[in-house]
Amino acid sequence: MEEESNKIRLPKATDIRAEDLQASAAAPESTLPRARPKLAQTLRVINAMVSDGVIGRYAIGGAVGATFYLEPLPTMDVDVFVAIYPEVGGLITSSPIYEYLDKRGYQPVGEAVKIEDWLVQFLAPTGPLVEEAIAQAREVAVAEDLLTFVLTAEHLVAIALQTNRSKDMVRILQFIEAGKFDADLLQQILERHDLLGRWTDFKQRFLQQQ
């Protein structure tokens, strides 16, 4: 399974609605929600890019990634983090991604590409934290024959803390309120990536904890 997992790898998209992500009624609470057909169609295209060697390992992050753990929230995009490596000569480029999609009729919309009904933005890692998050992403079955990768709740919180925008602070508070992350695992991630000081500041500002 490990070898198969390494073959599948990532986005940004349109409004996410409650009907687009639906939890299985018979599934335990720990099971991630299952994608409805429209999102599944987009994920099939992304997985085909993996199979065709256009991209390597990927993971869904951002607001859509958080929706796999929290209640569905309105958002204008789906962030897909992709391991993009330098080509010959050391140049890092995403042009093969857009060339591949253009040949299949998927056109750019601003910084994203519309794949089926979703806008998808392919994002390269911004540093070691995101690289680790992609490598440790959670494999999720969104349909009987469809797998995808989603950043863990702990990495979503850590990346939000590192990015440090107002909406990221709100997302962290949502994770805390929902109790959807492992505090010990988060602590280890924050230690590895020198974010403990920022975490202390966050708790003092928003939770009034010392």
C-alpha atoms as a PDB file:
ATOM      1  CA  MET A   1       0.000   0.000   0.000  1.00  0.00           C
ATOM      2  CA  GLU A   2       2.938   2.291   0.711  1.00  0.00           C
ATOM      3  CA  GLU A   3       4.198   1.954  -2.857  1.00  0.00           C
ATOM      4  CA  GLU A   4       0.733   2.676  -4.258  1.00  0.00           C
ATOM      5  CA  SER A   5       0.343   5.673  -1.951  1.00  0.00           C
ATOM      6  CA  ASN A   6       3.557   7.219  -3.235  1.00  0.00           C
ATOM      7  CA  LYS A   7       2.194   7.195  -6.777  1.00  0.00           C
ATOM      8  CA  ILE A   8      -0.690   9.510  -6.038  1.00  0.00           C
ATOM      9  CA  ARG A   9       0.221  13.151  -5.406  1.00  0.00           C
ATOM     10  CA  LEU A  10      -1.589  18.147  -5.764  1.00  0.00           C
ATOM     11  CA  PRO A  11      -4.885  22.174  -5.727  1.00  0.00           C
ATOM     12  CA  LYS A  12      -7.201  25.480  -5.391  1.00  0.00           C
ATOM     13  CA  ALA A  13     -11.217  25.619  -6.261  1.00  0.00           C
ATOM     14  CA  THR A  14     -14.770  27.234  -6.185  1.00  0.00           C
ATOM     15  CA  ASP A  15     -17.495  27.557  -3.567  1.00  0.00           C
ATOM     16  CA  ILE A  16     -17.655  24.495  -1.370  1.00  0.00           C
ATOM     17  CA  ARG A  17     -21.138  23.657  -0.188  1.00  0.00           C
ATOM     18  CA  ALA A  18     -22.555  21.285   2.385  1.00  0.00           C
ATOM     19  CA  GLU A  19     -23.827  19.034  -0.406  1.00  0.00           C
ATOM     20  CA  ASP A  20     -20.360  18.818  -1.981  1.00  0.00           C
ATOM     21  CA  LEU A  21     -18.881  17.137   1.078  1.00  0.00           C
ATOM     22  CA  GLN A  22     -21.026  14.620   2.861  1.00  0.00           C
ATOM     23  CA  ALA A  23     -20.173  12.344   5.764  1.00  0.00           C
ATOM     24  CA  SER A  24     -21.252   8.719   5.487  1.00  0.00           C
ATOM     25  CA  ALA A  25     -24.177   8.136   7.874  1.00  0.00           C
ATOM     26  CA  ALA A  26     -22.884   4.687   8.801  1.00  0.00           C
ATOM     27  CA  ALA A  27     -19.283   5.802   9.263  1.00  0.00           C
ATOM     28  CA  PRO A  28     -17.671   6.531  12.641  1.00  0.00           C
ATOM     29  CA  GLU A  29     -16.955  10.147  13.581  1.00  0.00           C
ATOM     30  CA  SER A  30     -13.252   9.684  12.821  1.00  0.00           C
ATOM     31  CA  THR A  31     -14.000   8.954   9.173  1.00  0.00           C
ATOM     32  CA  LEU A  32     -13.391  11.898   6.860  1.00  0.00           C
ATOM     33  CA  PRO A  33     -16.355  13.178   4.829  1.00  0.00           C
ATOM     34  CA  ARG A  34     -16.849  11.743   1.374  1.00  0.00           C
ATOM     35  CA  ALA A  35     -16.707  13.968  -1.673  1.00  0.00           C
ATOM     36  CA  ARG A  36     -19.782  14.320  -3.797  1.00  0.00           C
ATOM     37  CA  PRO A  37     -19.514  13.627  -7.561  1.00  0.00           C
ATOM     38  CA  LYS A  38     -18.487  17.136  -8.654  1.00  0.00           C
ATOM     39  CA  LEU A  39     -15.407  17.213  -6.452  1.00  0.00           C
ATOM     40  CA  ALA A  40     -14.703  13.557  -7.223  1.00  0.00           C
ATOM     41  CA  GLN A  41     -14.508  14.383 -10.939  1.00  0.00           C
ATOM     42  CA  THR A  42     -11.866  17.001 -10.236  1.00  0.00           C
ATOM     43  CA  LEU A  43      -9.886  14.607  -8.051  1.00  0.00           C
ATOM     44  CA  ARG A  44      -9.933  11.975 -10.791  1.00  0.00           C
ATOM     45  CA  VAL A  45      -8.236  14.440 -13.141  1.00  0.00           C
ATOM     46  CA  ILE A  46      -5.610  15.245 -10.513  1.00  0.00           C
ATOM     47  CA  ASN A  47      -4.958  11.554  -9.870  1.00  0.00           C
ATOM     48  CA  ALA A  48      -4.606  11.031 -13.628  1.00  0.00           C
ATOM     49  CA  MET A  49      -1.878  13.683 -13.568  1.00  0.00           C
ATOM     50  CA  VAL A  50      -0.065  11.556 -11.003  1.00  0.00           C
ATOM     51  CA  SER A  51      -0.468   8.396 -13.065  1.00  0.00           C
ATOM     52  CA  ASP A  52       0.808  10.236 -16.157  1.00  0.00           C
ATOM     53  CA  GLY A  53       3.862  11.518 -14.290  1.00  0.00           C
ATOM     54  CA  VAL A  54       2.919  15.201 -14.481  1.00  0.00           C
ATOM     55  CA  ILE A  55       2.964  15.690 -10.710  1.00  0.00           C
ATOM     56  CA  GLY A  56       4.271  13.702  -7.774  1.00  0.00           C
ATOM     57  CA  ARG A  57       2.781  13.406  -4.308  1.00  0.00           C
ATOM     58  CA  TYR A  58       0.089  15.959  -3.531  1.00  0.00           C
ATOM     59  CA  ALA A  59      -2.162  16.902  -0.623  1.00  0.00           C
ATOM     60  CA  ILE A  60      -5.255  19.046  -0.241  1.00  0.00           C
ATOM     61  CA  GLY A  61      -4.850  21.889   2.234  1.00  0.00           C
ATOM     62  CA  GLY A  62      -6.330  25.297   2.942  1.00  0.00           C
ATOM     63  CA  ALA A  63     -10.019  25.801   3.668  1.00  0.00           C
ATOM     64  CA  VAL A  64     -11.090  22.741   1.677  1.00  0.00           C
ATOM     65  CA  GLY A  65      -8.567  20.572   3.510  1.00  0.00           C
ATOM     66  CA  ALA A  66      -9.963  21.865   6.805  1.00  0.00           C
ATOM     67  CA  THR A  67     -13.469  20.942   5.652  1.00  0.00           C
ATOM     68  CA  PHE A  68     -12.480  17.275   5.835  1.00  0.00           C
ATOM     69  CA  TYR A  69     -12.329  17.772   9.615  1.00  0.00           C
ATOM     70  CA  LEU A  70     -14.627  20.727  10.323  1.00  0.00           C
ATOM     71  CA  GLU A  71     -18.076  21.801   9.166  1.00  0.00           C
ATOM     72  CA  PRO A  72     -18.230  22.832   5.467  1.00  0.00           C
ATOM     73  CA  LEU A  73     -17.294  26.476   4.991  1.00  0.00           C
ATOM     74  CA  PRO A  74     -17.737  28.789   1.994  1.00  0.00           C
ATOM     75  CA  THR A  75     -14.478  29.265   0.091  1.00  0.00           C
ATOM     76  CA  MET A  76     -13.485  30.384  -3.366  1.00  0.00           C
ATOM     77  CA  ASP A  77     -10.674  27.933  -3.966  1.00  0.00           C
ATOM     78  CA  VAL A  78      -9.091  24.550  -3.308  1.00  0.00           C
ATOM     79  CA  ASP A  79      -5.386  24.549  -2.438  1.00  0.00           C
ATOM     80  CA  VAL A  80      -3.488  21.540  -3.708  1.00  0.00           C
ATOM     81  CA  PHE A  81       0.073  21.368  -2.427  1.00  0.00           C
ATOM     82  CA  VAL A  82       2.348  19.553  -4.852  1.00  0.00           C
ATOM     83  CA  ALA A  83       5.930  18.388  -4.593  1.00  0.00           C
ATOM     84  CA  ILE A  84       7.420  20.308  -7.540  1.00  0.00           C
ATOM     85  CA  TYR A  85      11.093  19.648  -8.163  1.00  0.00           C
ATOM     86  CA  PRO A  86      13.678  21.487 -10.297  1.00  0.00           C
ATOM     87  CA  GLU A  87      14.039  20.483 -13.930  1.00  0.00           C
ATOM     88  CA  VAL A  88      17.371  20.130 -15.684  1.00  0.00           C
ATOM     89  CA  GLY A  89      19.319  23.314 -15.014  1.00  0.00           C
ATOM     90  CA  GLY A  90      17.775  23.875 -11.580  1.00  0.00           C
ATOM     91  CA  LEU A  91      14.660  25.755 -12.726  1.00  0.00           C
ATOM     92  CA  ILE A  92      11.487  25.048 -10.761  1.00  0.00           C
ATOM     93  CA  THR A  93       8.478  25.383 -13.072  1.00  0.00           C
ATOM     94  CA  SER A  94       4.820  24.435 -13.039  1.00  0.00           C
ATOM     95  CA  SER A  95       4.440  24.810 -16.815  1.00  0.00           C
ATOM     96  CA  PRO A  96       4.042  21.022 -17.445  1.00  0.00           C
ATOM     97  CA  ILE A  97       0.964  21.083 -15.192  1.00  0.00           C
ATOM     98  CA  TYR A  98      -0.731  23.824 -17.186  1.00  0.00           C
ATOM     99  CA  GLU A  99       0.306  22.376 -20.540  1.00  0.00           C
ATOM    100  CA  TYR A 100      -1.164  19.012 -19.585  1.00  0.00           C
ATOM    101  CA  LEU A 101      -4.445  20.544 -18.429  1.00  0.00           C
ATOM    102  CA  ASP A 102      -4.689  22.885 -21.422  1.00  0.00           C
ATOM    103  CA  LYS A 103      -4.520  19.918 -23.809  1.00  0.00           C
ATOM    104  CA  ARG A 104      -7.517  18.457 -21.997  1.00  0.00           C
ATOM    105  CA  GLY A 105      -9.558  21.640 -22.206  1.00  0.00           C
ATOM    106  CA  TYR A 106      -9.001  22.961 -18.674  1.00  0.00           C
ATOM    107  CA  GLN A 107      -8.256  26.682 -18.795  1.00  0.00           C
ATOM    108  CA  PRO A 108      -6.606  29.055 -16.302  1.00  0.00           C
ATOM    109  CA  VAL A 109      -8.807  31.369 -14.267  1.00  0.00           C
ATOM    110  CA  GLY A 110      -6.493  33.875 -12.637  1.00  0.00           C
ATOM    111  CA  GLU A 111      -3.881  31.901 -10.699  1.00  0.00           C
ATOM    112  CA  ALA A 112      -6.040  28.770 -10.713  1.00  0.00           C
ATOM    113  CA  VAL A 113      -7.219  26.295 -13.320  1.00  0.00           C
ATOM    114  CA  LYS A 114     -10.851  25.301 -13.667  1.00  0.00           C
ATOM    115  CA  ILE A 115     -10.984  21.507 -13.574  1.00  0.00           C
ATOM    116  CA  GLU A 116     -14.550  20.352 -14.029  1.00  0.00           C
ATOM    117  CA  ASP A 117     -16.597  22.479 -11.575  1.00  0.00           C
ATOM    118  CA  TRP A 118     -13.731  23.476  -9.278  1.00  0.00           C
ATOM    119  CA  LEU A 119     -10.968  26.061  -9.436  1.00  0.00           C
ATOM    120  CA  VAL A 120      -7.695  24.356  -8.564  1.00  0.00           C
ATOM    121  CA  GLN A 121      -4.454  26.063  -7.629  1.00  0.00           C
ATOM    122  CA  PHE A 122      -1.284  23.994  -7.562  1.00  0.00           C
ATOM    123  CA  LEU A 123       1.085  25.244  -4.869  1.00  0.00           C
ATOM    124  CA  ALA A 124       4.722  24.308  -4.417  1.00  0.00           C
ATOM    125  CA  PRO A 125       6.017  23.812  -0.847  1.00  0.00           C
ATOM    126  CA  THR A 126       7.061  27.054   0.817  1.00  0.00           C
ATOM    127  CA  GLY A 127       9.468  25.375   3.235  1.00  0.00           C
ATOM    128  CA  PRO A 128      10.212  22.310   5.375  1.00  0.00           C
ATOM    129  CA  LEU A 129       6.869  22.416   7.214  1.00  0.00           C
ATOM    130  CA  VAL A 130       4.814  22.138   4.027  1.00  0.00           C
ATOM    131  CA  GLU A 131       7.200  19.529   2.609  1.00  0.00           C
ATOM    132  CA  GLU A 132       6.673  17.438   5.733  1.00  0.00           C
ATOM    133  CA  ALA A 133       2.916  18.002   5.569  1.00  0.00           C
ATOM    134  CA  ILE A 134       2.759  16.674   2.003  1.00  0.00           C
ATOM    135  CA  ALA A 135       4.884  13.648   2.888  1.00  0.00           C
ATOM    136  CA  GLN A 136       2.704  12.789   5.902  1.00  0.00           C
ATOM    137  CA  ALA A 137      -0.675  13.597   4.320  1.00  0.00           C
ATOM    138  CA  ARG A 138      -3.584  11.327   5.138  1.00  0.00           C
ATOM    139  CA  GLU A 139      -4.843   8.977   2.438  1.00  0.00           C
ATOM    140  CA  VAL A 140      -8.618   9.280   2.163  1.00  0.00           C
ATOM    141  CA  ALA A 141     -11.213   7.272   0.255  1.00  0.00           C
ATOM    142  CA  VAL A 142     -13.669   9.794  -1.192  1.00  0.00           C
ATOM    143  CA  ALA A 143     -15.475   7.167  -3.256  1.00  0.00           C
ATOM    144  CA  GLU A 144     -15.308   3.383  -3.543  1.00  0.00           C
ATOM    145  CA  ASP A 145     -12.726   3.618  -6.325  1.00  0.00           C
ATOM    146  CA  LEU A 146     -11.177   7.009  -5.573  1.00  0.00           C
ATOM    147  CA  LEU A 147      -8.393   7.947  -3.160  1.00  0.00           C
ATOM    148  CA  THR A 148      -6.963  11.360  -2.432  1.00  0.00           C
ATOM    149  CA  PHE A 149      -4.548  12.908   0.071  1.00  0.00           C
ATOM    150  CA  VAL A 150      -5.456  15.503   2.698  1.00  0.00           C
ATOM    151  CA  LEU A 151      -3.120  17.306   5.093  1.00  0.00           C
ATOM    152  CA  THR A 152      -3.453  16.102   8.664  1.00  0.00           C
ATOM    153  CA  ALA A 153      -5.355  18.308  11.083  1.00  0.00           C
ATOM    154  CA  GLU A 154      -2.121  18.940  13.009  1.00  0.00           C
ATOM    155  CA  HIS A 155      -0.278  20.145   9.893  1.00  0.00           C
ATOM    156  CA  LEU A 156      -3.227  22.322   8.866  1.00  0.00           C
ATOM    157  CA  VAL A 157      -3.062  24.018  12.273  1.00  0.00           C
ATOM    158  CA  ALA A 158       0.731  24.404  12.128  1.00  0.00           C
ATOM    159  CA  ILE A 159       0.662  25.840   8.596  1.00  0.00           C
ATOM    160  CA  ALA A 160      -2.112  28.261   9.573  1.00  0.00           C
ATOM    161  CA  LEU A 161      -0.015  29.355  12.557  1.00  0.00           C
ATOM    162  CA  GLN A 162       3.034  29.855  10.340  1.00  0.00           C
ATOM    163  CA  THR A 163       1.080  31.758   7.663  1.00  0.00           C
ATOM    164  CA  ASN A 164      -0.403  33.971  10.385  1.00  0.00           C
ATOM    165  CA  ARG A 165      -3.236  35.694   8.506  1.00  0.00           C
ATOM    166  CA  SER A 166      -6.475  36.689  10.224  1.00  0.00           C
ATOM    167  CA  LYS A 167      -8.416  33.901   8.513  1.00  0.00           C
ATOM    168  CA  ASP A 168      -5.733  31.426   9.606  1.00  0.00           C
ATOM    169  CA  MET A 169      -6.206  32.454  13.231  1.00  0.00           C
ATOM    170  CA  VAL A 170      -9.943  31.876  12.846  1.00  0.00           C
ATOM    171  CA  ARG A 171      -9.304  28.423  11.392  1.00  0.00           C
ATOM    172  CA  ILE A 172      -7.057  27.470  14.323  1.00  0.00           C
ATOM    173  CA  LEU A 173      -9.777  28.515  16.752  1.00  0.00           C
ATOM    174  CA  GLN A 174     -12.266  26.362  14.832  1.00  0.00           C
ATOM    175  CA  PHE A 175      -9.973  23.344  15.175  1.00  0.00           C
ATOM    176  CA  ILE A 176      -9.573  24.026  18.897  1.00  0.00           C
ATOM    177  CA  GLU A 177     -13.308  24.419  19.445  1.00  0.00           C
ATOM    178  CA  ALA A 178     -14.034  21.215  17.497  1.00  0.00           C
ATOM    179  CA  GLY A 179     -11.242  19.288  19.243  1.00  0.00           C
ATOM    180  CA  LYS A 180     -10.199  17.812  15.911  1.00  0.00           C
ATOM    181  CA  PHE A 181      -6.430  17.534  16.389  1.00  0.00           C
ATOM    182  CA  ASP A 182      -3.975  15.638  18.552  1.00  0.00           C
ATOM    183  CA  ALA A 183      -2.305  18.136  20.906  1.00  0.00           C
ATOM    184  CA  ASP A 184       0.792  15.969  21.403  1.00  0.00           C
ATOM    185  CA  LEU A 185       1.359  15.523  17.671  1.00  0.00           C
ATOM    186  CA  LEU A 186       0.863  19.246  17.105  1.00  0.00           C
ATOM    187  CA  GLN A 187       3.390  20.015  19.843  1.00  0.00           C
ATOM    188  CA  GLN A 188       5.975  17.802  18.130  1.00  0.00           C
ATOM    189  CA  ILE A 189       5.397  19.510  14.777  1.00  0.00           C
ATOM    190  CA  LEU A 190       5.674  22.972  16.321  1.00  0.00           C
ATOM    191  CA  GLU A 191       8.927  21.997  18.046  1.00  0.00           C
ATOM    192  CA  ARG A 192      10.450  20.667  14.807  1.00  0.00           C
ATOM    193  CA  HIS A 193       9.628  23.850  12.924  1.00  0.00           C
ATOM    194  CA  ASP A 194      10.405  26.468  15.600  1.00  0.00           C
ATOM    195  CA  LEU A 195       6.799  27.556  16.048  1.00  0.00           C
ATOM    196  CA  LEU A 196       6.406  27.106  19.808  1.00  0.00           C
ATOM    197  CA  GLY A 197       6.907  30.809  20.473  1.00  0.00           C
ATOM    198  CA  ARG A 198       4.242  31.733  17.979  1.00  0.00           C
ATOM    199  CA  TRP A 199       1.915  29.112  19.510  1.00  0.00           C
ATOM    200  CA  THR A 200       2.411  30.659  22.977  1.00  0.00           C
ATOM    201  CA  ASP A 201       1.644  34.103  21.555  1.00  0.00           C
ATOM    202  CA  PHE A 202      -1.483  32.751  19.871  1.00  0.00           C
ATOM    203  CA  LYS A 203      -2.795  31.216  23.103  1.00  0.00           C
ATOM    204  CA  GLN A 204      -2.092  34.429  25.040  1.00  0.00           C
ATOM    205  CA  ARG A 205      -3.895  36.522  22.445  1.00  0.00           C
ATOM    206  CA  PHE A 206      -6.896  34.344  21.740  1.00  0.00           C
ATOM    207  CA  LEU A 207      -7.233  31.882  24.610  1.00  0.00           C
ATOM    208  CA  GLN A 208      -5.828  33.962  27.477  1.00  0.00           C
ATOM    209  CA  GLN A 209      -3.518  31.131  28.454  1.00  0.00           C
ATOM    210  CA  GLN A 210      -0.012  31.528  29.793  1.00  0.00           C
END
